[in-house]
Amino acid sequence: MDNASMVAENGAEEEKGKKKGGRMKKATRPRFAFQTRSADDILDDGYRWRKYGQKAVKNSKYPRSYT
């Protein structure tokens, strides 16, 4: 027996492109991203933000700590 007839007898692969259970995979739309540049890279809103650590708050000598 060749491989093609064994697969057909076992019923493991009925048709190409079909998933088990008869559900088809939904087509996904391609995703894309883009960067924009502005004239003001750093916005001055009166606060100084940091990625990690402390944030100085409006003329306070004791900054907040987020740890």
C-alpha atoms as a PDB file:
ATOM      1  CA  MET A   1       0.000   0.000   0.000  1.00  0.00           C
ATOM      2  CA  ASP A   2       1.272   3.473  -0.790  1.00  0.00           C
ATOM      3  CA  ASN A   3       1.099   6.469   1.563  1.00  0.00           C
ATOM      4  CA  ALA A   4      -1.742   8.212  -0.282  1.00  0.00           C
ATOM      5  CA  SER A   5      -4.122   5.288   0.111  1.00  0.00           C
ATOM      6  CA  MET A   6      -3.168   4.869   3.796  1.00  0.00           C
ATOM      7  CA  VAL A   7      -4.030   8.490   4.488  1.00  0.00           C
ATOM      8  CA  ALA A   8      -7.338   8.157   2.654  1.00  0.00           C
ATOM      9  CA  GLU A   9      -8.214   4.959   4.556  1.00  0.00           C
ATOM     10  CA  ASN A  10      -7.392   6.462   7.934  1.00  0.00           C
ATOM     11  CA  GLY A  11      -9.394   9.608   7.209  1.00  0.00           C
ATOM     12  CA  ALA A  12      -6.654  11.767   8.698  1.00  0.00           C
ATOM     13  CA  GLU A  13      -6.631  14.202   5.810  1.00  0.00           C
ATOM     14  CA  GLU A  14      -9.848  14.717   3.896  1.00  0.00           C
ATOM     15  CA  GLU A  15      -9.185  17.897   1.933  1.00  0.00           C
ATOM     16  CA  LYS A  16      -6.376  20.400   1.867  1.00  0.00           C
ATOM     17  CA  GLY A  17      -7.185  23.691   3.578  1.00  0.00           C
ATOM     18  CA  LYS A  18      -9.858  22.365   5.925  1.00  0.00           C
ATOM     19  CA  LYS A  19      -9.250  22.202   9.626  1.00  0.00           C
ATOM     20  CA  LYS A  20     -10.392  19.353  11.801  1.00  0.00           C
ATOM     21  CA  GLY A  21     -14.025  19.862  12.735  1.00  0.00           C
ATOM     22  CA  GLY A  22     -14.901  21.673   9.514  1.00  0.00           C
ATOM     23  CA  ARG A  23     -13.989  25.196  10.656  1.00  0.00           C
ATOM     24  CA  MET A  24     -11.941  27.357   8.365  1.00  0.00           C
ATOM     25  CA  LYS A  25      -9.371  29.821   9.660  1.00  0.00           C
ATOM     26  CA  LYS A  26     -10.542  33.407   9.266  1.00  0.00           C
ATOM     27  CA  ALA A  27      -8.377  35.473   6.953  1.00  0.00           C
ATOM     28  CA  THR A  28      -6.410  38.113   8.842  1.00  0.00           C
ATOM     29  CA  ARG A  29      -5.786  41.591   7.551  1.00  0.00           C
ATOM     30  CA  PRO A  30      -2.150  42.689   7.376  1.00  0.00           C
ATOM     31  CA  ARG A  31      -1.042  44.948  10.210  1.00  0.00           C
ATOM     32  CA  PHE A  32       1.237  47.916   9.864  1.00  0.00           C
ATOM     33  CA  ALA A  33       2.679  50.617  12.084  1.00  0.00           C
ATOM     34  CA  PHE A  34       4.204  53.980  11.399  1.00  0.00           C
ATOM     35  CA  GLN A  35       5.899  56.689  13.411  1.00  0.00           C
ATOM     36  CA  THR A  36       5.055  60.354  13.285  1.00  0.00           C
ATOM     37  CA  ARG A  37       7.361  63.213  14.073  1.00  0.00           C
ATOM     38  CA  SER A  38       6.297  66.530  15.497  1.00  0.00           C
ATOM     39  CA  ALA A  39       8.097  69.830  15.839  1.00  0.00           C
ATOM     40  CA  ASP A  40       8.060  69.460  19.647  1.00  0.00           C
ATOM     41  CA  ASP A  41       9.578  66.123  20.598  1.00  0.00           C
ATOM     42  CA  ILE A  42       9.365  66.823  24.332  1.00  0.00           C
ATOM     43  CA  LEU A  43       6.152  68.383  25.589  1.00  0.00           C
ATOM     44  CA  ASP A  44       6.574  70.723  28.546  1.00  0.00           C
ATOM     45  CA  ASP A  45       3.458  70.391  30.695  1.00  0.00           C
ATOM     46  CA  GLY A  46       5.050  71.344  34.015  1.00  0.00           C
ATOM     47  CA  TYR A  47       5.782  67.762  35.026  1.00  0.00           C
ATOM     48  CA  ARG A  48       8.925  65.723  34.557  1.00  0.00           C
ATOM     49  CA  TRP A  49       8.173  62.110  33.746  1.00  0.00           C
ATOM     50  CA  ARG A  50      10.695  59.312  34.070  1.00  0.00           C
ATOM     51  CA  LYS A  51      10.461  55.788  32.789  1.00  0.00           C
ATOM     52  CA  TYR A  52      11.592  54.257  36.077  1.00  0.00           C
ATOM     53  CA  GLY A  53      12.088  55.595  39.574  1.00  0.00           C
ATOM     54  CA  GLN A  54      10.928  58.961  40.800  1.00  0.00           C
ATOM     55  CA  LYS A  55       8.791  61.786  39.485  1.00  0.00           C
ATOM     56  CA  ALA A  56       9.335  65.369  40.628  1.00  0.00           C
ATOM     57  CA  VAL A  57       6.034  66.989  41.583  1.00  0.00           C
ATOM     58  CA  LYS A  58       5.521  70.784  41.334  1.00  0.00           C
ATOM     59  CA  ASN A  59       8.306  72.362  43.422  1.00  0.00           C
ATOM     60  CA  SER A  60       8.300  69.601  46.031  1.00  0.00           C
ATOM     61  CA  LYS A  61      11.673  68.671  47.493  1.00  0.00           C
ATOM     62  CA  TYR A  62      10.398  65.121  48.163  1.00  0.00           C
ATOM     63  CA  PRO A  63       9.602  63.393  44.853  1.00  0.00           C
ATOM     64  CA  ARG A  64       7.130  60.545  44.640  1.00  0.00           C
ATOM     65  CA  SER A  65       8.574  57.071  44.470  1.00  0.00           C
ATOM     66  CA  TYR A  66       6.869  54.322  42.478  1.00  0.00           C
ATOM     67  CA  THR A  67       8.524  51.111  43.672  1.00  0.00           C
END
